[in-house]
Amino acid sequence: MKIVLLLCMMMAVSLGISSKLSHAKKLEELRGSKLGKTILNLVNLHSSVEGPISELIEAIEELIADINTNIDEVEYKFQVRTNEHNSYVAQVGQQLQDAEQDIARMIDVIDNLLIPRRDQIRNKIESLIQYDEFNRKNVDETTLLREQEHEAYLQQIEEDNDALDAIDDAINLVSSLSNPSLLQIKNIKFTLKRLSSKQWNRVHQGPTHGTSFTLDCIKLKFQ
């Protein structure tokens, strides 16, 4: 009903029925909008052809219906886009929440599992390094001691061989004492002198002590 009254008022203005100031103001307001301009154009067109007012009202109602339909379609599309946007925002929000939970879990794993495990592994490595250094030092010391024992062993073998040679010389000397000649006595004194010059470093040399006693007796006999 309001639309019909508005149309009648515009038609009255367009046909020159009323020239009041309020009508002029309404006319200016209509000209300030796209819909008002469209309606004024229809009124002018209808006035120029002098058609019935019912046709003009029908045309304007059809225009308004089209506009309302267009508005409904726009609102529907906007609502669809709004729903899609809200769904997307909710989906992204859930993804962000899941990501935050994953990050919190990973931080918890790092703080409570990985870092302590890293420290344990680091301490284990340090212990292995220290153990390796100890073993290397122990091997070096054992190797040096073994070399010293080997040198002492070779020296002992040499002394034992010298002792055996001296014993053989003493036995040969004793066996030639039955009836010694002057040349034999001279050789015996030389042998005694050579035997006396030998050094034995072994503490427990039973045969060597016996040989030393025998040599002392022989020396007394030929002095």
N, C-alpha and C. Protein backbone atom coordinates (compact mmCIF):
# COMPACT_ATOMS: atom_id res chain seq x y z
N MET A 1 0.82 -1.19 0.00
CA MET A 1 0.00 0.00 0.00
C MET A 1 0.86 1.26 0.00
N LYS A 2 1.91 1.23 0.78
CA LYS A 2 2.81 2.40 0.80
C LYS A 2 3.41 2.66 -0.56
N ILE A 3 3.75 1.57 -1.26
CA ILE A 3 4.34 1.72 -2.59
C ILE A 3 3.35 2.36 -3.55
N VAL A 4 2.10 1.94 -3.44
CA VAL A 4 1.07 2.52 -4.33
C VAL A 4 0.90 4.00 -4.06
N LEU A 5 0.86 4.35 -2.78
CA LEU A 5 0.74 5.77 -2.43
C LEU A 5 1.92 6.57 -2.94
N LEU A 6 3.13 5.96 -2.81
CA LEU A 6 4.33 6.64 -3.29
C LEU A 6 4.27 6.84 -4.79
N LEU A 7 3.80 5.83 -5.48
CA LEU A 7 3.70 5.93 -6.94
C LEU A 7 2.68 7.00 -7.34
N CYS A 8 1.58 7.03 -6.62
CA CYS A 8 0.58 8.05 -6.93
C CYS A 8 1.11 9.45 -6.70
N MET A 9 1.90 9.57 -5.62
CA MET A 9 2.48 10.87 -5.32
C MET A 9 3.46 11.28 -6.41
N MET A 10 4.28 10.31 -6.86
CA MET A 10 5.26 10.63 -7.91
C MET A 10 4.55 10.99 -9.21
N MET A 11 3.49 10.27 -9.49
CA MET A 11 2.76 10.57 -10.71
C MET A 11 2.15 11.97 -10.63
N ALA A 12 1.66 12.32 -9.43
CA ALA A 12 1.07 13.66 -9.28
C ALA A 12 2.13 14.73 -9.48
N VAL A 13 3.32 14.43 -8.97
CA VAL A 13 4.42 15.40 -9.16
C VAL A 13 4.79 15.49 -10.61
N SER A 14 4.86 14.30 -11.28
CA SER A 14 5.28 14.29 -12.67
C SER A 14 4.27 15.00 -13.57
N LEU A 15 2.98 14.90 -13.27
CA LEU A 15 1.94 15.50 -14.10
C LEU A 15 1.65 16.95 -13.72
N GLY A 16 2.25 17.49 -12.73
CA GLY A 16 2.07 18.88 -12.34
C GLY A 16 0.85 19.13 -11.51
N ILE A 17 0.27 18.05 -10.84
CA ILE A 17 -0.92 18.21 -10.03
C ILE A 17 -0.61 19.06 -8.80
N SER A 18 0.56 18.76 -8.16
CA SER A 18 0.92 19.52 -6.96
C SER A 18 2.34 20.00 -7.10
N SER A 19 2.58 21.20 -6.65
CA SER A 19 3.93 21.77 -6.72
C SER A 19 4.43 22.18 -5.35
N LYS A 20 3.91 21.48 -4.36
CA LYS A 20 4.33 21.82 -3.02
C LYS A 20 5.80 21.47 -2.80
N LEU A 21 6.38 22.13 -1.79
CA LEU A 21 7.80 21.93 -1.49
C LEU A 21 8.10 20.52 -1.03
N SER A 22 7.19 19.91 -0.27
CA SER A 22 7.43 18.54 0.21
C SER A 22 7.51 17.57 -0.95
N HIS A 23 6.66 17.80 -1.96
CA HIS A 23 6.71 16.92 -3.13
C HIS A 23 8.02 17.08 -3.87
N ALA A 24 8.54 18.27 -3.95
CA ALA A 24 9.82 18.50 -4.61
C ALA A 24 10.96 17.81 -3.86
N LYS A 25 10.84 17.84 -2.52
CA LYS A 25 11.87 17.18 -1.71
C LYS A 25 11.84 15.67 -1.93
N LYS A 26 10.64 15.11 -1.98
CA LYS A 26 10.53 13.68 -2.24
C LYS A 26 11.08 13.32 -3.61
N LEU A 27 10.82 14.23 -4.55
CA LEU A 27 11.32 13.99 -5.90
C LEU A 27 12.84 13.97 -5.93
N GLU A 28 13.45 14.87 -5.18
CA GLU A 28 14.91 14.90 -5.12
C GLU A 28 15.46 13.64 -4.44
N GLU A 29 14.74 13.18 -3.44
CA GLU A 29 15.17 11.95 -2.77
C GLU A 29 15.11 10.76 -3.71
N LEU A 30 14.04 10.74 -4.54
CA LEU A 30 13.94 9.64 -5.50
C LEU A 30 15.08 9.69 -6.52
N ARG A 31 15.40 10.88 -6.95
CA ARG A 31 16.48 11.02 -7.93
C ARG A 31 17.86 10.65 -7.34
N GLY A 32 17.93 10.63 -6.00
CA GLY A 32 19.22 10.30 -5.38
C GLY A 32 19.50 8.82 -5.29
N SER A 33 18.57 7.96 -5.68
CA SER A 33 18.78 6.51 -5.62
C SER A 33 18.56 5.91 -7.00
N LYS A 34 19.18 4.76 -7.24
CA LYS A 34 19.05 4.09 -8.53
C LYS A 34 17.62 3.62 -8.76
N LEU A 35 17.02 3.07 -7.71
CA LEU A 35 15.65 2.60 -7.85
C LEU A 35 14.69 3.77 -8.12
N GLY A 36 14.91 4.91 -7.41
CA GLY A 36 14.08 6.09 -7.64
C GLY A 36 14.20 6.60 -9.06
N LYS A 37 15.43 6.64 -9.58
CA LYS A 37 15.63 7.08 -10.96
C LYS A 37 14.92 6.15 -11.93
N THR A 38 15.01 4.84 -11.67
CA THR A 38 14.35 3.88 -12.55
C THR A 38 12.84 4.08 -12.55
N ILE A 39 12.28 4.27 -11.35
CA ILE A 39 10.83 4.50 -11.26
C ILE A 39 10.43 5.80 -11.95
N LEU A 40 11.20 6.87 -11.76
CA LEU A 40 10.90 8.15 -12.42
C LEU A 40 10.97 8.00 -13.93
N ASN A 41 11.93 7.22 -14.40
CA ASN A 41 12.02 6.98 -15.85
C ASN A 41 10.78 6.26 -16.36
N LEU A 42 10.30 5.28 -15.58
CA LEU A 42 9.08 4.58 -15.98
C LEU A 42 7.88 5.53 -15.98
N VAL A 43 7.82 6.38 -14.94
CA VAL A 43 6.70 7.35 -14.88
C VAL A 43 6.74 8.29 -16.07
N ASN A 44 7.92 8.80 -16.38
CA ASN A 44 8.05 9.71 -17.52
C ASN A 44 7.69 9.01 -18.83
N LEU A 45 8.16 7.76 -18.94
CA LEU A 45 7.84 7.01 -20.16
C LEU A 45 6.33 6.77 -20.26
N HIS A 46 5.74 6.37 -19.17
CA HIS A 46 4.30 6.13 -19.19
C HIS A 46 3.52 7.41 -19.45
N SER A 47 4.00 8.52 -18.91
CA SER A 47 3.33 9.81 -19.13
C SER A 47 3.43 10.25 -20.58
N SER A 48 4.57 9.93 -21.18
CA SER A 48 4.75 10.36 -22.58
C SER A 48 3.84 9.59 -23.53
N VAL A 49 3.57 8.35 -23.19
CA VAL A 49 2.71 7.55 -24.06
C VAL A 49 1.27 7.60 -23.60
N GLU A 50 1.03 8.25 -22.45
CA GLU A 50 -0.31 8.41 -21.91
C GLU A 50 -1.02 7.07 -21.70
N GLY A 51 -0.28 6.11 -21.09
CA GLY A 51 -0.88 4.81 -20.80
C GLY A 51 -1.66 4.86 -19.51
N PRO A 52 -2.45 3.82 -19.25
CA PRO A 52 -3.22 3.77 -18.01
C PRO A 52 -2.30 3.62 -16.79
N ILE A 53 -2.77 4.15 -15.67
CA ILE A 53 -1.96 4.10 -14.45
C ILE A 53 -1.80 2.67 -13.96
N SER A 54 -2.79 1.85 -14.20
CA SER A 54 -2.71 0.45 -13.75
C SER A 54 -1.51 -0.27 -14.38
N GLU A 55 -1.25 0.02 -15.65
CA GLU A 55 -0.10 -0.60 -16.31
C GLU A 55 1.20 -0.11 -15.68
N LEU A 56 1.24 1.19 -15.34
CA LEU A 56 2.45 1.72 -14.71
C LEU A 56 2.67 1.07 -13.36
N ILE A 57 1.56 0.96 -12.59
CA ILE A 57 1.70 0.32 -11.28
C ILE A 57 2.13 -1.14 -11.42
N GLU A 58 1.57 -1.81 -12.39
CA GLU A 58 1.95 -3.22 -12.62
C GLU A 58 3.42 -3.34 -13.01
N ALA A 59 3.89 -2.43 -13.87
CA ALA A 59 5.29 -2.46 -14.29
C ALA A 59 6.22 -2.20 -13.11
N ILE A 60 5.79 -1.24 -12.27
CA ILE A 60 6.62 -0.94 -11.09
C ILE A 60 6.62 -2.12 -10.12
N GLU A 61 5.48 -2.75 -9.93
CA GLU A 61 5.42 -3.92 -9.05
C GLU A 61 6.29 -5.06 -9.58
N GLU A 62 6.27 -5.25 -10.91
CA GLU A 62 7.14 -6.28 -11.49
C GLU A 62 8.61 -5.95 -11.26
N LEU A 63 8.93 -4.66 -11.40
CA LEU A 63 10.31 -4.24 -11.16
C LEU A 63 10.70 -4.50 -9.72
N ILE A 64 9.78 -4.15 -8.81
CA ILE A 64 10.07 -4.38 -7.39
C ILE A 64 10.19 -5.88 -7.10
N ALA A 65 9.35 -6.68 -7.73
CA ALA A 65 9.42 -8.14 -7.54
C ALA A 65 10.76 -8.68 -8.04
N ASP A 66 11.18 -8.19 -9.21
CA ASP A 66 12.49 -8.62 -9.73
C ASP A 66 13.61 -8.22 -8.78
N ILE A 67 13.49 -7.00 -8.26
CA ILE A 67 14.53 -6.54 -7.33
C ILE A 67 14.53 -7.39 -6.07
N ASN A 68 13.34 -7.69 -5.55
CA ASN A 68 13.27 -8.54 -4.36
C ASN A 68 13.82 -9.94 -4.63
N THR A 69 13.49 -10.47 -5.82
CA THR A 69 14.03 -11.78 -6.18
C THR A 69 15.55 -11.74 -6.25
N ASN A 70 16.06 -10.68 -6.85
CA ASN A 70 17.51 -10.52 -6.94
C ASN A 70 18.13 -10.40 -5.55
N ILE A 71 17.43 -9.64 -4.68
CA ILE A 71 17.94 -9.50 -3.31
C ILE A 71 17.94 -10.84 -2.60
N ASP A 72 16.86 -11.62 -2.79
CA ASP A 72 16.80 -12.94 -2.16
C ASP A 72 17.92 -13.84 -2.66
N GLU A 73 18.17 -13.77 -3.98
CA GLU A 73 19.24 -14.59 -4.54
C GLU A 73 20.60 -14.17 -3.99
N VAL A 74 20.78 -12.85 -3.93
CA VAL A 74 22.06 -12.35 -3.39
C VAL A 74 22.23 -12.77 -1.93
N GLU A 75 21.14 -12.64 -1.16
CA GLU A 75 21.21 -13.04 0.24
C GLU A 75 21.47 -14.54 0.39
N TYR A 76 20.84 -15.33 -0.50
CA TYR A 76 21.07 -16.78 -0.45
C TYR A 76 22.53 -17.12 -0.75
N LYS A 77 23.05 -16.51 -1.83
CA LYS A 77 24.45 -16.76 -2.17
C LYS A 77 25.39 -16.29 -1.05
N PHE A 78 25.03 -15.13 -0.47
CA PHE A 78 25.85 -14.62 0.61
C PHE A 78 25.81 -15.56 1.82
N GLN A 79 24.62 -16.10 2.08
CA GLN A 79 24.50 -17.03 3.21
C GLN A 79 25.28 -18.31 2.94
N VAL A 80 25.23 -18.78 1.67
CA VAL A 80 26.01 -19.97 1.31
C VAL A 80 27.49 -19.73 1.52
N ARG A 81 27.95 -18.55 1.03
CA ARG A 81 29.36 -18.21 1.20
C ARG A 81 29.71 -18.04 2.68
N THR A 82 28.75 -17.48 3.43
CA THR A 82 28.98 -17.33 4.87
C THR A 82 29.12 -18.68 5.55
N ASN A 83 28.23 -19.61 5.17
CA ASN A 83 28.32 -20.96 5.74
C ASN A 83 29.63 -21.64 5.36
N GLU A 84 30.03 -21.49 4.09
CA GLU A 84 31.30 -22.06 3.66
C GLU A 84 32.47 -21.44 4.44
N HIS A 85 32.38 -20.12 4.61
CA HIS A 85 33.44 -19.44 5.36
C HIS A 85 33.49 -19.92 6.80
N ASN A 86 32.32 -20.02 7.42
CA ASN A 86 32.29 -20.48 8.81
C ASN A 86 32.80 -21.91 8.94
N SER A 87 32.44 -22.75 7.95
CA SER A 87 32.93 -24.13 7.96
C SER A 87 34.45 -24.16 7.81
N TYR A 88 34.96 -23.33 6.89
CA TYR A 88 36.40 -23.27 6.68
C TYR A 88 37.11 -22.76 7.94
N VAL A 89 36.54 -21.72 8.55
CA VAL A 89 37.15 -21.17 9.77
C VAL A 89 37.15 -22.22 10.88
N ALA A 90 36.04 -22.96 11.01
CA ALA A 90 35.97 -24.01 12.02
C ALA A 90 36.98 -25.12 11.74
N GLN A 91 37.11 -25.49 10.44
CA GLN A 91 38.07 -26.52 10.07
C GLN A 91 39.50 -26.08 10.38
N VAL A 92 39.83 -24.85 9.98
CA VAL A 92 41.17 -24.34 10.24
C VAL A 92 41.42 -24.21 11.74
N GLY A 93 40.37 -23.77 12.47
CA GLY A 93 40.51 -23.67 13.92
C GLY A 93 40.80 -25.01 14.57
N GLN A 94 40.11 -26.06 14.08
CA GLN A 94 40.36 -27.41 14.60
C GLN A 94 41.77 -27.87 14.25
N GLN A 95 42.19 -27.58 13.02
CA GLN A 95 43.55 -27.94 12.62
C GLN A 95 44.59 -27.22 13.48
N LEU A 96 44.34 -25.95 13.75
CA LEU A 96 45.26 -25.20 14.61
C LEU A 96 45.28 -25.78 16.02
N GLN A 97 44.11 -26.15 16.52
CA GLN A 97 44.05 -26.74 17.85
C GLN A 97 44.78 -28.08 17.89
N ASP A 98 44.57 -28.90 16.84
CA ASP A 98 45.29 -30.18 16.76
C ASP A 98 46.79 -29.95 16.68
N ALA A 99 47.19 -28.94 15.89
CA ALA A 99 48.62 -28.64 15.76
C ALA A 99 49.21 -28.19 17.10
N GLU A 100 48.47 -27.38 17.83
CA GLU A 100 48.94 -26.94 19.15
C GLU A 100 49.08 -28.12 20.10
N GLN A 101 48.14 -29.06 20.04
CA GLN A 101 48.24 -30.25 20.88
C GLN A 101 49.44 -31.10 20.48
N ASP A 102 49.65 -31.25 19.16
CA ASP A 102 50.82 -32.00 18.69
C ASP A 102 52.11 -31.34 19.14
N ILE A 103 52.17 -30.02 19.03
CA ILE A 103 53.36 -29.29 19.47
C ILE A 103 53.59 -29.49 20.97
N ALA A 104 52.50 -29.41 21.74
CA ALA A 104 52.63 -29.61 23.19
C ALA A 104 53.13 -31.02 23.51
N ARG A 105 52.61 -32.02 22.78
CA ARG A 105 53.07 -33.40 23.00
C ARG A 105 54.53 -33.55 22.62
N MET A 106 54.93 -32.96 21.50
CA MET A 106 56.32 -33.06 21.07
C MET A 106 57.26 -32.37 22.05
N ILE A 107 56.84 -31.22 22.56
CA ILE A 107 57.65 -30.52 23.57
C ILE A 107 57.78 -31.38 24.82
N ASP A 108 56.68 -32.02 25.20
CA ASP A 108 56.71 -32.90 26.37
C ASP A 108 57.65 -34.08 26.14
N VAL A 109 57.60 -34.66 24.94
CA VAL A 109 58.51 -35.76 24.61
C VAL A 109 59.96 -35.30 24.64
N ILE A 110 60.21 -34.12 24.07
CA ILE A 110 61.58 -33.60 24.05
C ILE A 110 62.09 -33.35 25.47
N ASP A 111 61.24 -32.71 26.29
CA ASP A 111 61.67 -32.35 27.65
C ASP A 111 61.82 -33.56 28.55
N ASN A 112 60.90 -34.52 28.44
CA ASN A 112 60.86 -35.63 29.39
C ASN A 112 61.54 -36.90 28.90
N LEU A 113 61.75 -37.02 27.59
CA LEU A 113 62.34 -38.25 27.06
C LEU A 113 63.64 -38.00 26.31
N LEU A 114 63.57 -37.14 25.31
CA LEU A 114 64.73 -36.98 24.43
C LEU A 114 65.90 -36.31 25.13
N ILE A 115 65.63 -35.21 25.85
CA ILE A 115 66.73 -34.51 26.52
C ILE A 115 67.37 -35.39 27.59
N PRO A 116 66.59 -36.04 28.49
CA PRO A 116 67.24 -36.96 29.44
C PRO A 116 67.98 -38.09 28.74
N ARG A 117 67.39 -38.63 27.67
CA ARG A 117 68.07 -39.70 26.93
C ARG A 117 69.35 -39.18 26.31
N ARG A 118 69.32 -37.95 25.79
CA ARG A 118 70.53 -37.36 25.23
C ARG A 118 71.61 -37.22 26.30
N ASP A 119 71.21 -36.78 27.50
CA ASP A 119 72.18 -36.64 28.59
C ASP A 119 72.74 -38.01 28.98
N GLN A 120 71.89 -39.02 29.01
CA GLN A 120 72.36 -40.37 29.34
C GLN A 120 73.36 -40.86 28.30
N ILE A 121 73.04 -40.65 27.03
CA ILE A 121 73.95 -41.08 25.96
C ILE A 121 75.26 -40.31 26.05
N ARG A 122 75.18 -39.01 26.33
CA ARG A 122 76.39 -38.21 26.46
C ARG A 122 77.26 -38.71 27.61
N ASN A 123 76.63 -39.00 28.75
CA ASN A 123 77.38 -39.52 29.89
C ASN A 123 77.97 -40.89 29.58
N LYS A 124 77.22 -41.72 28.85
CA LYS A 124 77.72 -43.03 28.46
C LYS A 124 78.94 -42.89 27.55
N ILE A 125 78.87 -41.96 26.62
CA ILE A 125 80.00 -41.74 25.71
C ILE A 125 81.22 -41.28 26.49
N GLU A 126 81.02 -40.35 27.43
CA GLU A 126 82.14 -39.89 28.25
C GLU A 126 82.74 -41.03 29.06
N SER A 127 81.89 -41.89 29.60
CA SER A 127 82.39 -43.04 30.36
C SER A 127 83.18 -43.99 29.46
N LEU A 128 82.68 -44.22 28.26
CA LEU A 128 83.40 -45.09 27.32
C LEU A 128 84.74 -44.49 26.93
N ILE A 129 84.78 -43.17 26.74
CA ILE A 129 86.04 -42.51 26.40
C ILE A 129 87.04 -42.66 27.54
N GLN A 130 86.57 -42.44 28.78
CA GLN A 130 87.45 -42.59 29.93
C GLN A 130 87.92 -44.04 30.07
N TYR A 131 87.02 -44.98 29.86
CA TYR A 131 87.39 -46.39 29.94
C TYR A 131 88.39 -46.75 28.85
N ASP A 132 88.20 -46.19 27.67
CA ASP A 132 89.13 -46.44 26.57
C ASP A 132 90.51 -45.86 26.89
N GLU A 133 90.53 -44.65 27.44
CA GLU A 133 91.82 -44.05 27.82
C GLU A 133 92.51 -44.87 28.90
N PHE A 134 91.73 -45.35 29.88
CA PHE A 134 92.31 -46.19 30.93
C PHE A 134 92.90 -47.47 30.34
N ASN A 135 92.16 -48.11 29.44
CA ASN A 135 92.66 -49.34 28.81
C ASN A 135 93.91 -49.08 27.99
N ARG A 136 93.92 -47.96 27.26
CA ARG A 136 95.11 -47.65 26.47
C ARG A 136 96.32 -47.45 27.37
N LYS A 137 96.11 -46.70 28.48
CA LYS A 137 97.21 -46.48 29.41
C LYS A 137 97.66 -47.79 30.04
N ASN A 138 96.70 -48.64 30.38
CA ASN A 138 97.03 -49.93 30.98
C ASN A 138 97.79 -50.81 29.99
N VAL A 139 97.36 -50.78 28.73
CA VAL A 139 98.06 -51.57 27.70
C VAL A 139 99.48 -51.06 27.52
N ASP A 140 99.65 -49.73 27.49
CA ASP A 140 100.99 -49.17 27.34
C ASP A 140 101.89 -49.57 28.50
N GLU A 141 101.34 -49.47 29.73
CA GLU A 141 102.14 -49.84 30.90
C GLU A 141 102.47 -51.33 30.88
N THR A 142 101.48 -52.15 30.53
CA THR A 142 101.72 -53.60 30.47
C THR A 142 102.73 -53.95 29.39
N THR A 143 102.64 -53.26 28.25
CA THR A 143 103.60 -53.50 27.17
C THR A 143 105.01 -53.12 27.59
N LEU A 144 105.15 -51.96 28.26
CA LEU A 144 106.47 -51.54 28.74
C LEU A 144 107.01 -52.53 29.76
N LEU A 145 106.16 -52.97 30.70
CA LEU A 145 106.60 -53.95 31.70
C LEU A 145 107.01 -55.26 31.03
N ARG A 146 106.26 -55.66 30.02
CA ARG A 146 106.60 -56.90 29.32
C ARG A 146 107.93 -56.76 28.59
N GLU A 147 108.19 -55.61 28.00
CA GLU A 147 109.48 -55.39 27.34
C GLU A 147 110.62 -55.45 28.35
N GLN A 148 110.39 -54.84 29.52
CA GLN A 148 111.42 -54.91 30.56
C GLN A 148 111.64 -56.34 31.03
N GLU A 149 110.56 -57.10 31.20
CA GLU A 149 110.69 -58.51 31.58
C GLU A 149 111.42 -59.30 30.51
N HIS A 150 111.14 -58.96 29.25
CA HIS A 150 111.81 -59.67 28.16
C HIS A 150 113.31 -59.37 28.16
N GLU A 151 113.66 -58.11 28.38
CA GLU A 151 115.08 -57.76 28.46
C GLU A 151 115.75 -58.47 29.64
N ALA A 152 115.04 -58.50 30.79
CA ALA A 152 115.60 -59.21 31.94
C ALA A 152 115.74 -60.70 31.65
N TYR A 153 114.77 -61.25 30.93
CA TYR A 153 114.82 -62.66 30.56
C TYR A 153 116.03 -62.94 29.67
N LEU A 154 116.26 -62.09 28.66
CA LEU A 154 117.42 -62.29 27.78
C LEU A 154 118.72 -62.17 28.56
N GLN A 155 118.76 -61.20 29.48
CA GLN A 155 119.97 -61.03 30.29
C GLN A 155 120.19 -62.25 31.18
N GLN A 156 119.09 -62.80 31.74
CA GLN A 156 119.21 -63.98 32.59
C GLN A 156 119.70 -65.18 31.79
N ILE A 157 119.17 -65.32 30.57
CA ILE A 157 119.62 -66.42 29.70
C ILE A 157 121.11 -66.29 29.41
N GLU A 158 121.54 -65.06 29.14
CA GLU A 158 122.96 -64.84 28.86
C GLU A 158 123.81 -65.19 30.08
N GLU A 159 123.34 -64.78 31.28
CA GLU A 159 124.08 -65.10 32.49
C GLU A 159 124.09 -66.60 32.75
N ASP A 160 122.96 -67.26 32.49
CA ASP A 160 122.92 -68.72 32.67
C ASP A 160 123.88 -69.41 31.72
N ASN A 161 123.92 -68.94 30.48
CA ASN A 161 124.86 -69.53 29.51
C ASN A 161 126.30 -69.32 29.96
N ASP A 162 126.59 -68.10 30.47
CA ASP A 162 127.94 -67.86 30.98
C ASP A 162 128.26 -68.77 32.15
N ALA A 163 127.25 -68.97 33.02
CA ALA A 163 127.48 -69.86 34.17
C ALA A 163 127.73 -71.28 33.72
N LEU A 164 126.96 -71.74 32.72
CA LEU A 164 127.18 -73.09 32.20
C LEU A 164 128.56 -73.24 31.57
N ASP A 165 129.00 -72.21 30.84
CA ASP A 165 130.34 -72.25 30.25
C ASP A 165 131.40 -72.32 31.34
N ALA A 166 131.19 -71.54 32.42
CA ALA A 166 132.17 -71.56 33.51
C ALA A 166 132.21 -72.91 34.20
N ILE A 167 131.02 -73.51 34.35
CA ILE A 167 130.98 -74.85 34.96
C ILE A 167 131.72 -75.86 34.10
N ASP A 168 131.50 -75.79 32.77
CA ASP A 168 132.22 -76.71 31.87
C ASP A 168 133.72 -76.50 31.99
N ASP A 169 134.17 -75.25 32.04
CA ASP A 169 135.61 -74.97 32.18
C ASP A 169 136.13 -75.51 33.51
N ALA A 170 135.33 -75.35 34.57
CA ALA A 170 135.78 -75.85 35.87
C ALA A 170 135.88 -77.36 35.87
N ILE A 171 134.90 -78.03 35.25
CA ILE A 171 134.94 -79.49 35.18
C ILE A 171 136.16 -79.96 34.39
N ASN A 172 136.40 -79.33 33.27
CA ASN A 172 137.59 -79.69 32.47
C ASN A 172 138.87 -79.44 33.26
N LEU A 173 138.89 -78.38 34.05
CA LEU A 173 140.08 -78.06 34.83
C LEU A 173 140.32 -79.10 35.92
N VAL A 174 139.25 -79.47 36.59
CA VAL A 174 139.38 -80.48 37.65
C VAL A 174 139.84 -81.81 37.08
N SER A 175 139.33 -82.17 35.91
CA SER A 175 139.72 -83.45 35.31
C SER A 175 141.17 -83.50 34.88
N SER A 176 141.83 -82.37 34.75
CA SER A 176 143.24 -82.33 34.30
C SER A 176 144.21 -82.12 35.46
N LEU A 177 143.75 -82.29 36.73
CA LEU A 177 144.62 -82.01 37.88
C LEU A 177 145.36 -83.24 38.41
N SER A 178 145.22 -84.39 37.81
CA SER A 178 145.86 -85.60 38.35
C SER A 178 147.38 -85.49 38.32
N ASN A 179 147.98 -85.30 37.18
CA ASN A 179 149.44 -85.11 37.04
C ASN A 179 149.70 -83.96 36.10
N PRO A 180 149.51 -82.75 36.56
CA PRO A 180 149.69 -81.61 35.64
C PRO A 180 151.15 -81.35 35.31
N SER A 181 151.38 -80.99 34.07
CA SER A 181 152.73 -80.59 33.63
C SER A 181 152.87 -79.10 33.81
N LEU A 182 154.06 -78.57 33.54
CA LEU A 182 154.27 -77.12 33.68
C LEU A 182 153.37 -76.35 32.73
N LEU A 183 153.25 -76.87 31.49
CA LEU A 183 152.39 -76.18 30.52
C LEU A 183 150.94 -76.22 30.97
N GLN A 184 150.52 -77.39 31.54
CA GLN A 184 149.15 -77.50 32.02
C GLN A 184 148.90 -76.58 33.19
N ILE A 185 149.93 -76.48 34.09
CA ILE A 185 149.78 -75.58 35.23
C ILE A 185 149.61 -74.16 34.76
N LYS A 186 150.39 -73.79 33.72
CA LYS A 186 150.26 -72.45 33.16
C LYS A 186 148.87 -72.23 32.58
N ASN A 187 148.37 -73.23 31.84
CA ASN A 187 147.02 -73.11 31.26
C ASN A 187 145.95 -73.09 32.34
N ILE A 188 146.20 -73.87 33.42
CA ILE A 188 145.23 -73.90 34.52
C ILE A 188 145.15 -72.55 35.19
N LYS A 189 146.31 -71.92 35.44
CA LYS A 189 146.29 -70.60 36.06
C LYS A 189 145.57 -69.58 35.17
N PHE A 190 145.77 -69.70 33.84
CA PHE A 190 145.09 -68.79 32.92
C PHE A 190 143.58 -69.00 32.97
N THR A 191 143.18 -70.27 33.03
CA THR A 191 141.76 -70.59 33.09
C THR A 191 141.14 -70.10 34.38
N LEU A 192 141.91 -70.28 35.50
CA LEU A 192 141.42 -69.79 36.79
C LEU A 192 141.23 -68.28 36.77
N LYS A 193 142.20 -67.61 36.15
CA LYS A 193 142.08 -66.16 36.07
C LYS A 193 140.87 -65.76 35.24
N ARG A 194 140.61 -66.47 34.14
CA ARG A 194 139.46 -66.15 33.28
C ARG A 194 138.15 -66.44 33.99
N LEU A 195 138.10 -67.55 34.72
CA LEU A 195 136.88 -67.89 35.44
C LEU A 195 136.59 -66.90 36.56
N SER A 196 137.67 -66.43 37.21
CA SER A 196 137.47 -65.49 38.32
C SER A 196 136.94 -64.15 37.85
N SER A 197 137.23 -63.82 36.57
CA SER A 197 136.79 -62.52 36.06
C SER A 197 135.30 -62.49 35.66
N LYS A 198 134.62 -63.64 35.61
CA LYS A 198 133.21 -63.70 35.21
C LYS A 198 132.31 -63.30 36.37
N GLN A 199 131.22 -62.66 36.05
CA GLN A 199 130.25 -62.19 37.05
C GLN A 199 128.92 -62.91 36.83
N TRP A 200 128.36 -63.38 37.95
CA TRP A 200 127.03 -64.01 37.90
C TRP A 200 126.08 -63.23 38.79
N ASN A 201 125.01 -62.88 38.26
CA ASN A 201 124.06 -62.04 38.99
C ASN A 201 122.89 -62.84 39.58
N ARG A 202 122.81 -64.08 39.32
CA ARG A 202 121.70 -64.85 39.86
C ARG A 202 121.90 -65.09 41.35
N VAL A 203 120.84 -64.98 42.08
CA VAL A 203 120.91 -65.17 43.54
C VAL A 203 120.88 -66.66 43.87
N HIS A 204 120.01 -67.41 43.19
CA HIS A 204 119.87 -68.85 43.48
C HIS A 204 120.51 -69.63 42.34
N GLN A 205 121.79 -69.81 42.41
CA GLN A 205 122.55 -70.58 41.43
C GLN A 205 123.34 -71.64 42.20
N GLY A 206 122.69 -72.75 42.48
CA GLY A 206 123.34 -73.80 43.25
C GLY A 206 124.64 -74.28 42.65
N PRO A 207 124.64 -74.66 41.36
CA PRO A 207 125.88 -75.13 40.73
C PRO A 207 126.96 -74.06 40.73
N THR A 208 126.58 -72.82 40.61
CA THR A 208 127.58 -71.76 40.56
C THR A 208 128.30 -71.63 41.89
N HIS A 209 127.59 -71.78 43.01
CA HIS A 209 128.24 -71.71 44.32
C HIS A 209 129.22 -72.86 44.49
N GLY A 210 128.81 -74.02 44.03
CA GLY A 210 129.72 -75.17 44.11
C GLY A 210 130.95 -74.96 43.28
N THR A 211 130.78 -74.39 42.11
CA THR A 211 131.92 -74.13 41.23
C THR A 211 132.85 -73.11 41.85
N SER A 212 132.28 -72.10 42.50
CA SER A 212 133.12 -71.08 43.13
C SER A 212 133.97 -71.70 44.23
N PHE A 213 133.39 -72.61 45.00
CA PHE A 213 134.15 -73.28 46.05
C PHE A 213 135.27 -74.12 45.45
N THR A 214 134.96 -74.83 44.36
CA THR A 214 135.97 -75.66 43.69
C THR A 214 137.10 -74.81 43.15
N LEU A 215 136.79 -73.68 42.57
CA LEU A 215 137.81 -72.79 42.02
C LEU A 215 138.70 -72.25 43.13
N ASP A 216 138.13 -71.96 44.28
CA ASP A 216 138.94 -71.46 45.40
C ASP A 216 139.94 -72.51 45.86
N CYS A 217 139.49 -73.75 45.90
CA CYS A 217 140.40 -74.84 46.30
C CYS A 217 141.52 -75.01 45.30
N ILE A 218 141.17 -74.92 44.02
CA ILE A 218 142.19 -75.09 42.98
C ILE A 218 143.20 -73.97 43.04
N LYS A 219 142.74 -72.77 43.30
CA LYS A 219 143.65 -71.63 43.39
C LYS A 219 144.66 -71.83 44.52
N LEU A 220 144.18 -72.32 45.66
CA LEU A 220 145.08 -72.55 46.79
C LEU A 220 146.13 -73.62 46.45
N LYS A 221 145.72 -74.58 45.65
CA LYS A 221 146.63 -75.66 45.31
C LYS A 221 147.74 -75.21 44.40
N PHE A 222 147.46 -74.25 43.50
CA PHE A 222 148.45 -73.86 42.50
C PHE A 222 149.12 -72.54 42.82
N GLN A 223 148.86 -71.98 43.99
CA GLN A 223 149.53 -70.73 44.35
C GLN A 223 150.89 -71.03 44.97
